[in-house]
Amino acid sequence: SRGRREGAQRLTSQHFGLSNLFWKKMTKFVLNSLPSPTQKSASDYNNFDREFLSEKPKLSYSDKNLIESMDQSAFNGFSFINPKFEQILNK
């Protein structure tokens, strides 16, 4: 409700020492947001750290017995195959 929202605004601004002007700008999304990195293509990795990219992937081990012991009903009727992976398989 509006009363609760205004109360939360007042408490937050008092607690953090935020001025009314700052709070108004923040609630109206006037504050600058962080710039988004640019990406030239789907395979453009320039925004990733070179050291990270040079690391060998570590595949996680999945214990088949553990997975089978868990309730899998949440996944009934669900299937997903990445369309790009399908294209690779069909070549």
PDB file of N, CA and C in Angstrom:
ATOM      1  N   SER A   1       0.830  -1.186   0.000  1.00  0.00           N
ATOM      2  CA  SER A   1       0.000   0.000   0.000  1.00  0.00           C
ATOM      3  C   SER A   1       0.877   1.253   0.000  1.00  0.00           C
ATOM      4  N   ARG A   2       0.283   2.351  -0.347  1.00  0.00           N
ATOM      5  CA  ARG A   2       1.032   3.605  -0.443  1.00  0.00           C
ATOM      6  C   ARG A   2       1.612   4.027   0.904  1.00  0.00           C
ATOM      7  N   GLY A   3       0.834   3.848   1.961  1.00  0.00           N
ATOM      8  CA  GLY A   3       1.299   4.223   3.300  1.00  0.00           C
ATOM      9  C   GLY A   3       2.519   3.428   3.727  1.00  0.00           C
ATOM     10  N   ARG A   4       2.504   2.141   3.451  1.00  0.00           N
ATOM     11  CA  ARG A   4       3.649   1.289   3.808  1.00  0.00           C
ATOM     12  C   ARG A   4       4.874   1.689   2.997  1.00  0.00           C
ATOM     13  N   ARG A   5       4.657   1.985   1.691  1.00  0.00           N
ATOM     14  CA  ARG A   5       5.765   2.363   0.817  1.00  0.00           C
ATOM     15  C   ARG A   5       6.398   3.670   1.295  1.00  0.00           C
ATOM     16  N   GLU A   6       5.551   4.645   1.643  1.00  0.00           N
ATOM     17  CA  GLU A   6       6.071   5.925   2.129  1.00  0.00           C
ATOM     18  C   GLU A   6       6.792   5.751   3.458  1.00  0.00           C
ATOM     19  N   GLY A   7       6.257   4.879   4.315  1.00  0.00           N
ATOM     20  CA  GLY A   7       6.908   4.611   5.591  1.00  0.00           C
ATOM     21  C   GLY A   7       8.263   3.964   5.398  1.00  0.00           C
ATOM     22  N   ALA A   8       8.326   3.021   4.471  1.00  0.00           N
ATOM     23  CA  ALA A   8       9.603   2.357   4.166  1.00  0.00           C
ATOM     24  C   ALA A   8      10.596   3.362   3.598  1.00  0.00           C
ATOM     25  N   GLN A   9      10.103   4.260   2.747  1.00  0.00           N
ATOM     26  CA  GLN A   9      10.968   5.297   2.170  1.00  0.00           C
ATOM     27  C   GLN A   9      11.538   6.187   3.271  1.00  0.00           C
ATOM     28  N   ARG A  10      10.684   6.587   4.186  1.00  0.00           N
ATOM     29  CA  ARG A  10      11.108   7.478   5.271  1.00  0.00           C
ATOM     30  C   ARG A  10      12.132   6.770   6.163  1.00  0.00           C
ATOM     31  N   LEU A  11      11.850   5.518   6.538  1.00  0.00           N
ATOM     32  CA  LEU A  11      12.771   4.768   7.387  1.00  0.00           C
ATOM     33  C   LEU A  11      14.115   4.544   6.696  1.00  0.00           C
ATOM     34  N   THR A  12      14.080   4.191   5.422  1.00  0.00           N
ATOM     35  CA  THR A  12      15.308   3.939   4.675  1.00  0.00           C
ATOM     36  C   THR A  12      16.127   5.206   4.546  1.00  0.00           C
ATOM     37  N   SER A  13      15.468   6.316   4.208  1.00  0.00           N
ATOM     38  CA  SER A  13      16.208   7.567   4.026  1.00  0.00           C
ATOM     39  C   SER A  13      16.796   8.048   5.345  1.00  0.00           C
ATOM     40  N   GLN A  14      16.101   7.811   6.452  1.00  0.00           N
ATOM     41  CA  GLN A  14      16.641   8.199   7.753  1.00  0.00           C
ATOM     42  C   GLN A  14      17.785   7.274   8.161  1.00  0.00           C
ATOM     43  N   HIS A  15      17.607   5.986   7.933  1.00  0.00           N
ATOM     44  CA  HIS A  15      18.604   5.010   8.353  1.00  0.00           C
ATOM     45  C   HIS A  15      19.930   5.193   7.625  1.00  0.00           C
ATOM     46  N   PHE A  16      19.873   5.368   6.323  1.00  0.00           N
ATOM     47  CA  PHE A  16      21.081   5.478   5.536  1.00  0.00           C
ATOM     48  C   PHE A  16      21.563   6.925   5.376  1.00  0.00           C
ATOM     49  N   GLY A  17      20.853   7.866   5.958  1.00  0.00           N
ATOM     50  CA  GLY A  17      21.244   9.266   5.851  1.00  0.00           C
ATOM     51  C   GLY A  17      21.075   9.804   4.440  1.00  0.00           C
ATOM     52  N   LEU A  18      20.131   9.237   3.683  1.00  0.00           N
ATOM     53  CA  LEU A  18      19.907   9.694   2.315  1.00  0.00           C
ATOM     54  C   LEU A  18      19.055  10.952   2.333  1.00  0.00           C
ATOM     55  N   SER A  19      19.425  11.911   1.548  1.00  0.00           N
ATOM     56  CA  SER A  19      18.630  13.136   1.489  1.00  0.00           C
ATOM     57  C   SER A  19      17.361  12.895   0.689  1.00  0.00           C
ATOM     58  N   ASN A  20      16.365  13.745   0.894  1.00  0.00           N
ATOM     59  CA  ASN A  20      15.107  13.648   0.157  1.00  0.00           C
ATOM     60  C   ASN A  20      15.327  13.763  -1.338  1.00  0.00           C
ATOM     61  N   LEU A  21      16.208  14.677  -1.745  1.00  0.00           N
ATOM     62  CA  LEU A  21      16.488  14.886  -3.163  1.00  0.00           C
ATOM     63  C   LEU A  21      17.071  13.599  -3.769  1.00  0.00           C
ATOM     64  N   PHE A  22      18.020  12.990  -3.069  1.00  0.00           N
ATOM     65  CA  PHE A  22      18.625  11.758  -3.547  1.00  0.00           C
ATOM     66  C   PHE A  22      17.570  10.677  -3.684  1.00  0.00           C
ATOM     67  N   TRP A  23      16.709  10.552  -2.684  1.00  0.00           N
ATOM     68  CA  TRP A  23      15.683   9.519  -2.714  1.00  0.00           C
ATOM     69  C   TRP A  23      14.730   9.730  -3.889  1.00  0.00           C
ATOM     70  N   LYS A  24      14.341  10.986  -4.137  1.00  0.00           N
ATOM     71  CA  LYS A  24      13.437  11.280  -5.255  1.00  0.00           C
ATOM     72  C   LYS A  24      14.089  10.911  -6.584  1.00  0.00           C
ATOM     73  N   LYS A  25      15.378  11.253  -6.740  1.00  0.00           N
ATOM     74  CA  LYS A  25      16.080  10.897  -7.978  1.00  0.00           C
ATOM     75  C   LYS A  25      16.155   9.387  -8.140  1.00  0.00           C
ATOM     76  N   MET A  26      16.441   8.697  -7.046  1.00  0.00           N
ATOM     77  CA  MET A  26      16.582   7.251  -7.102  1.00  0.00           C
ATOM     78  C   MET A  26      15.261   6.588  -7.483  1.00  0.00           C
ATOM     79  N   THR A  27      14.163   7.056  -6.909  1.00  0.00           N
ATOM     80  CA  THR A  27      12.872   6.441  -7.200  1.00  0.00           C
ATOM     81  C   THR A  27      12.388   6.774  -8.600  1.00  0.00           C
ATOM     82  N   LYS A  28      12.904   7.822  -9.208  1.00  0.00           N
ATOM     83  CA  LYS A  28      12.515   8.179 -10.578  1.00  0.00           C
ATOM     84  C   LYS A  28      13.536   7.682 -11.596  1.00  0.00           C
ATOM     85  N   PHE A  29      14.481   6.855 -11.162  1.00  0.00           N
ATOM     86  CA  PHE A  29      15.496   6.266 -12.032  1.00  0.00           C
ATOM     87  C   PHE A  29      16.319   7.313 -12.777  1.00  0.00           C
ATOM     88  N   VAL A  30      16.615   8.422 -12.106  1.00  0.00           N
ATOM     89  CA  VAL A  30      17.418   9.475 -12.717  1.00  0.00           C
ATOM     90  C   VAL A  30      18.908   9.186 -12.558  1.00  0.00           C
ATOM     91  N   LEU A  31      19.238   8.417 -11.532  1.00  0.00           N
ATOM     92  CA  LEU A  31      20.650   8.114 -11.310  1.00  0.00           C
ATOM     93  C   LEU A  31      21.204   7.332 -12.491  1.00  0.00           C
ATOM     94  N   ASN A  32      22.429   7.616 -12.840  1.00  0.00           N
ATOM     95  CA  ASN A  32      23.057   6.918 -13.960  1.00  0.00           C
ATOM     96  C   ASN A  32      23.230   5.449 -13.633  1.00  0.00           C
ATOM     97  N   SER A  33      22.964   4.617 -14.617  1.00  0.00           N
ATOM     98  CA  SER A  33      23.198   3.194 -14.439  1.00  0.00           C
ATOM     99  C   SER A  33      24.582   2.862 -14.982  1.00  0.00           C
ATOM    100  N   LEU A  34      25.054   1.698 -14.621  1.00  0.00           N
ATOM    101  CA  LEU A  34      26.357   1.274 -15.111  1.00  0.00           C
ATOM    102  C   LEU A  34      26.284   1.015 -16.606  1.00  0.00           C
ATOM    103  N   PRO A  35      27.345   1.336 -17.335  1.00  0.00           N
ATOM    104  CA  PRO A  35      27.311   1.084 -18.780  1.00  0.00           C
ATOM    105  C   PRO A  35      27.343  -0.414 -19.063  1.00  0.00           C
ATOM    106  N   SER A  36      26.645  -0.813 -20.101  1.00  0.00           N
ATOM    107  CA  SER A  36      26.640  -2.215 -20.503  1.00  0.00           C
ATOM    108  C   SER A  36      27.824  -2.477 -21.414  1.00  0.00           C
ATOM    109  N   PRO A  37      28.496  -3.604 -21.236  1.00  0.00           N
ATOM    110  CA  PRO A  37      29.617  -3.914 -22.121  1.00  0.00           C
ATOM    111  C   PRO A  37      29.110  -4.169 -23.539  1.00  0.00           C
ATOM    112  N   THR A  38      29.921  -3.801 -24.510  1.00  0.00           N
ATOM    113  CA  THR A  38      29.531  -4.030 -25.901  1.00  0.00           C
ATOM    114  C   THR A  38      29.980  -5.416 -26.330  1.00  0.00           C
ATOM    115  N   GLN A  39      29.223  -5.992 -27.222  1.00  0.00           N
ATOM    116  CA  GLN A  39      29.534  -7.317 -27.747  1.00  0.00           C
ATOM    117  C   GLN A  39      29.302  -7.269 -29.242  1.00  0.00           C
ATOM    118  N   LYS A  40      30.340  -7.581 -30.027  1.00  0.00           N
ATOM    119  CA  LYS A  40      30.265  -7.481 -31.483  1.00  0.00           C
ATOM    120  C   LYS A  40      29.561  -8.677 -32.114  1.00  0.00           C
ATOM    121  N   SER A  41      29.665  -9.852 -31.487  1.00  0.00           N
ATOM    122  CA  SER A  41      29.008 -11.052 -31.993  1.00  0.00           C
ATOM    123  C   SER A  41      28.821 -12.028 -30.837  1.00  0.00           C
ATOM    124  N   ALA A  42      28.151 -13.142 -31.119  1.00  0.00           N
ATOM    125  CA  ALA A  42      27.911 -14.147 -30.086  1.00  0.00           C
ATOM    126  C   ALA A  42      29.206 -14.778 -29.595  1.00  0.00           C
ATOM    127  N   SER A  43      30.253 -14.724 -30.419  1.00  0.00           N
ATOM    128  CA  SER A  43      31.532 -15.318 -30.019  1.00  0.00           C
ATOM    129  C   SER A  43      32.560 -14.273 -29.586  1.00  0.00           C
ATOM    130  N   ASP A  44      32.105 -13.062 -29.272  1.00  0.00           N
ATOM    131  CA  ASP A  44      33.001 -11.992 -28.827  1.00  0.00           C
ATOM    132  C   ASP A  44      33.215 -12.112 -27.315  1.00  0.00           C
ATOM    133  N   TYR A  45      34.447 -12.461 -26.922  1.00  0.00           N
ATOM    134  CA  TYR A  45      34.765 -12.678 -25.513  1.00  0.00           C
ATOM    135  C   TYR A  45      35.694 -11.603 -24.961  1.00  0.00           C
ATOM    136  N   ASN A  46      35.739 -10.441 -25.584  1.00  0.00           N
ATOM    137  CA  ASN A  46      36.665  -9.384 -25.171  1.00  0.00           C
ATOM    138  C   ASN A  46      36.400  -8.844 -23.770  1.00  0.00           C
ATOM    139  N   ASN A  47      35.204  -9.018 -23.254  1.00  0.00           N
ATOM    140  CA  ASN A  47      34.868  -8.498 -21.926  1.00  0.00           C
ATOM    141  C   ASN A  47      35.236  -9.459 -20.799  1.00  0.00           C
ATOM    142  N   PHE A  48      35.737 -10.644 -21.149  1.00  0.00           N
ATOM    143  CA  PHE A  48      36.140 -11.624 -20.145  1.00  0.00           C
ATOM    144  C   PHE A  48      37.633 -11.522 -19.873  1.00  0.00           C
ATOM    145  N   ASP A  49      37.996 -11.817 -18.657  1.00  0.00           N
ATOM    146  CA  ASP A  49      39.387 -11.800 -18.239  1.00  0.00           C
ATOM    147  C   ASP A  49      40.162 -12.887 -18.979  1.00  0.00           C
ATOM    148  N   ARG A  50      41.329 -12.537 -19.532  1.00  0.00           N
ATOM    149  CA  ARG A  50      42.156 -13.485 -20.302  1.00  0.00           C
ATOM    150  C   ARG A  50      42.568 -14.690 -19.460  1.00  0.00           C
ATOM    151  N   GLU A  51      42.885 -14.445 -18.191  1.00  0.00           N
ATOM    152  CA  GLU A  51      43.277 -15.554 -17.310  1.00  0.00           C
ATOM    153  C   GLU A  51      42.119 -16.538 -17.150  1.00  0.00           C
ATOM    154  N   PHE A  52      40.929 -16.019 -16.991  1.00  0.00           N
ATOM    155  CA  PHE A  52      39.741 -16.858 -16.866  1.00  0.00           C
ATOM    156  C   PHE A  52      39.539 -17.690 -18.130  1.00  0.00           C
ATOM    157  N   LEU A  53      39.700 -17.054 -19.286  1.00  0.00           N
ATOM    158  CA  LEU A  53      39.497 -17.753 -20.550  1.00  0.00           C
ATOM    159  C   LEU A  53      40.543 -18.834 -20.807  1.00  0.00           C
ATOM    160  N   SER A  54      41.722 -18.669 -20.220  1.00  0.00           N
ATOM    161  CA  SER A  54      42.786 -19.650 -20.459  1.00  0.00           C
ATOM    162  C   SER A  54      42.690 -20.873 -19.540  1.00  0.00           C
ATOM    163  N   GLU A  55      41.832 -20.812 -18.527  1.00  0.00           N
ATOM    164  CA  GLU A  55      41.683 -21.943 -17.618  1.00  0.00           C
ATOM    165  C   GLU A  55      40.977 -23.103 -18.302  1.00  0.00           C
ATOM    166  N   LYS A  56      41.411 -24.320 -17.956  1.00  0.00           N
ATOM    167  CA  LYS A  56      40.753 -25.513 -18.460  1.00  0.00           C
ATOM    168  C   LYS A  56      39.402 -25.657 -17.768  1.00  0.00           C
ATOM    169  N   PRO A  57      38.362 -26.031 -18.498  1.00  0.00           N
ATOM    170  CA  PRO A  57      37.066 -26.219 -17.845  1.00  0.00           C
ATOM    171  C   PRO A  57      37.107 -27.402 -16.877  1.00  0.00           C
ATOM    172  N   LYS A  58      36.433 -27.245 -15.765  1.00  0.00           N
ATOM    173  CA  LYS A  58      36.340 -28.327 -14.775  1.00  0.00           C
ATOM    174  C   LYS A  58      34.907 -28.816 -14.772  1.00  0.00           C
ATOM    175  N   LEU A  59      34.706 -29.990 -15.320  1.00  0.00           N
ATOM    176  CA  LEU A  59      33.360 -30.547 -15.371  1.00  0.00           C
ATOM    177  C   LEU A  59      32.998 -31.121 -14.009  1.00  0.00           C
ATOM    178  N   SER A  60      31.789 -30.852 -13.594  1.00  0.00           N
ATOM    179  CA  SER A  60      31.363 -31.365 -12.298  1.00  0.00           C
ATOM    180  C   SER A  60      30.875 -32.802 -12.441  1.00  0.00           C
ATOM    181  N   TYR A  61      31.117 -33.577 -11.433  1.00  0.00           N
ATOM    182  CA  TYR A  61      30.696 -34.975 -11.408  1.00  0.00           C
ATOM    183  C   TYR A  61      29.267 -35.039 -10.892  1.00  0.00           C
ATOM    184  N   SER A  62      28.436 -35.802 -11.581  1.00  0.00           N
ATOM    185  CA  SER A  62      27.076 -35.987 -11.080  1.00  0.00           C
ATOM    186  C   SER A  62      26.889 -37.446 -10.707  1.00  0.00           C
ATOM    187  N   ASP A  63      26.489 -37.666  -9.489  1.00  0.00           N
ATOM    188  CA  ASP A  63      26.265 -39.006  -8.971  1.00  0.00           C
ATOM    189  C   ASP A  63      24.883 -39.479  -9.413  1.00  0.00           C
ATOM    190  N   LYS A  64      24.858 -40.453 -10.320  1.00  0.00           N
ATOM    191  CA  LYS A  64      23.593 -40.946 -10.870  1.00  0.00           C
ATOM    192  C   LYS A  64      22.655 -41.430  -9.770  1.00  0.00           C
ATOM    193  N   ASN A  65      23.179 -42.129  -8.780  1.00  0.00           N
ATOM    194  CA  ASN A  65      22.343 -42.634  -7.683  1.00  0.00           C
ATOM    195  C   ASN A  65      21.724 -41.497  -6.870  1.00  0.00           C
ATOM    196  N   LEU A  66      22.506 -40.446  -6.644  1.00  0.00           N
ATOM    197  CA  LEU A  66      21.984 -39.302  -5.898  1.00  0.00           C
ATOM    198  C   LEU A  66      20.861 -38.627  -6.676  1.00  0.00           C
ATOM    199  N   ILE A  67      21.070 -38.416  -7.958  1.00  0.00           N
ATOM    200  CA  ILE A  67      20.047 -37.771  -8.787  1.00  0.00           C
ATOM    201  C   ILE A  67      18.781 -38.622  -8.836  1.00  0.00           C
ATOM    202  N   GLU A  68      18.950 -39.927  -9.001  1.00  0.00           N
ATOM    203  CA  GLU A  68      17.787 -40.822  -9.055  1.00  0.00           C
ATOM    204  C   GLU A  68      17.047 -40.892  -7.721  1.00  0.00           C
ATOM    205  N   SER A  69      17.743 -40.623  -6.606  1.00  0.00           N
ATOM    206  CA  SER A  69      17.094 -40.664  -5.296  1.00  0.00           C
ATOM    207  C   SER A  69      16.268 -39.406  -5.019  1.00  0.00           C
ATOM    208  N   MET A  70      16.459 -38.362  -5.814  1.00  0.00           N
ATOM    209  CA  MET A  70      15.723 -37.100  -5.624  1.00  0.00           C
ATOM    210  C   MET A  70      14.409 -37.130  -6.407  1.00  0.00           C
ATOM    211  N   ASP A  71      13.441 -36.382  -5.915  1.00  0.00           N
ATOM    212  CA  ASP A  71      12.147 -36.283  -6.583  1.00  0.00           C
ATOM    213  C   ASP A  71      12.329 -35.485  -7.877  1.00  0.00           C
ATOM    214  N   GLN A  72      12.109 -36.131  -9.002  1.00  0.00           N
ATOM    215  CA  GLN A  72      12.283 -35.488 -10.300  1.00  0.00           C
ATOM    216  C   GLN A  72      10.954 -35.059 -10.926  1.00  0.00           C
ATOM    217  N   SER A  73       9.868 -35.138 -10.161  1.00  0.00           N
ATOM    218  CA  SER A  73       8.539 -34.833 -10.707  1.00  0.00           C
ATOM    219  C   SER A  73       8.418 -33.378 -11.177  1.00  0.00           C
ATOM    220  N   ALA A  74       9.230 -32.495 -10.628  1.00  0.00           N
ATOM    221  CA  ALA A  74       9.178 -31.087 -11.054  1.00  0.00           C
ATOM    222  C   ALA A  74       9.581 -30.939 -12.521  1.00  0.00           C
ATOM    223  N   PHE A  75      10.281 -31.944 -13.054  1.00  0.00           N
ATOM    224  CA  PHE A  75      10.753 -31.880 -14.430  1.00  0.00           C
ATOM    225  C   PHE A  75       9.882 -32.679 -15.402  1.00  0.00           C
ATOM    226  N   ASN A  76       8.773 -33.246 -14.920  1.00  0.00           N
ATOM    227  CA  ASN A  76       7.882 -34.011 -15.797  1.00  0.00           C
ATOM    228  C   ASN A  76       7.406 -33.149 -16.953  1.00  0.00           C
ATOM    229  N   GLY A  77       7.534 -33.660 -18.161  1.00  0.00           N
ATOM    230  CA  GLY A  77       7.070 -32.935 -19.343  1.00  0.00           C
ATOM    231  C   GLY A  77       8.016 -31.854 -19.817  1.00  0.00           C
ATOM    232  N   PHE A  78       9.137 -31.701 -19.161  1.00  0.00           N
ATOM    233  CA  PHE A  78      10.090 -30.658 -19.543  1.00  0.00           C
ATOM    234  C   PHE A  78      11.215 -31.259 -20.368  1.00  0.00           C
ATOM    235  N   SER A  79      11.516 -30.609 -21.462  1.00  0.00           N
ATOM    236  CA  SER A  79      12.691 -30.996 -22.240  1.00  0.00           C
ATOM    237  C   SER A  79      13.218 -29.740 -22.926  1.00  0.00           C
ATOM    238  N   PHE A  80      14.506 -29.693 -23.096  1.00  0.00           N
ATOM    239  CA  PHE A  80      15.117 -28.561 -23.781  1.00  0.00           C
ATOM    240  C   PHE A  80      16.369 -29.038 -24.482  1.00  0.00           C
ATOM    241  N   ILE A  81      16.473 -28.693 -25.741  1.00  0.00           N
ATOM    242  CA  ILE A  81      17.696 -28.923 -26.500  1.00  0.00           C
ATOM    243  C   ILE A  81      18.064 -27.586 -27.119  1.00  0.00           C
ATOM    244  N   ASN A  82      19.269 -27.143 -26.860  1.00  0.00           N
ATOM    245  CA  ASN A  82      19.756 -25.890 -27.416  1.00  0.00           C
ATOM    246  C   ASN A  82      19.689 -25.968 -28.940  1.00  0.00           C
ATOM    247  N   PRO A  83      18.994 -25.031 -29.602  1.00  0.00           N
ATOM    248  CA  PRO A  83      18.865 -25.064 -31.064  1.00  0.00           C
ATOM    249  C   PRO A  83      20.224 -25.076 -31.780  1.00  0.00           C
ATOM    250  N   LYS A  84      21.206 -24.387 -31.221  1.00  0.00           N
ATOM    251  CA  LYS A  84      22.540 -24.380 -31.840  1.00  0.00           C
ATOM    252  C   LYS A  84      23.173 -25.760 -31.754  1.00  0.00           C
ATOM    253  N   PHE A  85      22.925 -26.465 -30.647  1.00  0.00           N
ATOM    254  CA  PHE A  85      23.470 -27.812 -30.487  1.00  0.00           C
ATOM    255  C   PHE A  85      22.786 -28.770 -31.461  1.00  0.00           C
ATOM    256  N   GLU A  86      21.487 -28.590 -31.678  1.00  0.00           N
ATOM    257  CA  GLU A  86      20.757 -29.404 -32.652  1.00  0.00           C
ATOM    258  C   GLU A  86      21.348 -29.248 -34.046  1.00  0.00           C
ATOM    259  N   GLN A  87      21.701 -28.014 -34.406  1.00  0.00           N
ATOM    260  CA  GLN A  87      22.305 -27.750 -35.705  1.00  0.00           C
ATOM    261  C   GLN A  87      23.634 -28.487 -35.850  1.00  0.00           C
ATOM    262  N   ILE A  88      24.413 -28.519 -34.783  1.00  0.00           N
ATOM    263  CA  ILE A  88      25.699 -29.216 -34.814  1.00  0.00           C
ATOM    264  C   ILE A  88      25.478 -30.713 -34.993  1.00  0.00           C
ATOM    265  N   LEU A  89      24.488 -31.266 -34.291  1.00  0.00           N
ATOM    266  CA  LEU A  89      24.201 -32.690 -34.383  1.00  0.00           C
ATOM    267  C   LEU A  89      23.712 -33.095 -35.776  1.00  0.00           C
ATOM    268  N   ASN A  90      22.971 -32.195 -36.424  1.00  0.00           N
ATOM    269  CA  ASN A  90      22.413 -32.505 -37.727  1.00  0.00           C
ATOM    270  C   ASN A  90      23.406 -32.373 -38.882  1.00  0.00           C
ATOM    271  N   LYS A  91      24.588 -31.847 -38.609  1.00  0.00           N
ATOM    272  CA  LYS A  91      25.587 -31.678 -39.669  1.00  0.00           C
ATOM    273  C   LYS A  91      26.247 -32.968 -40.020  1.00  0.00           C
TER     274      LYS A  91
END
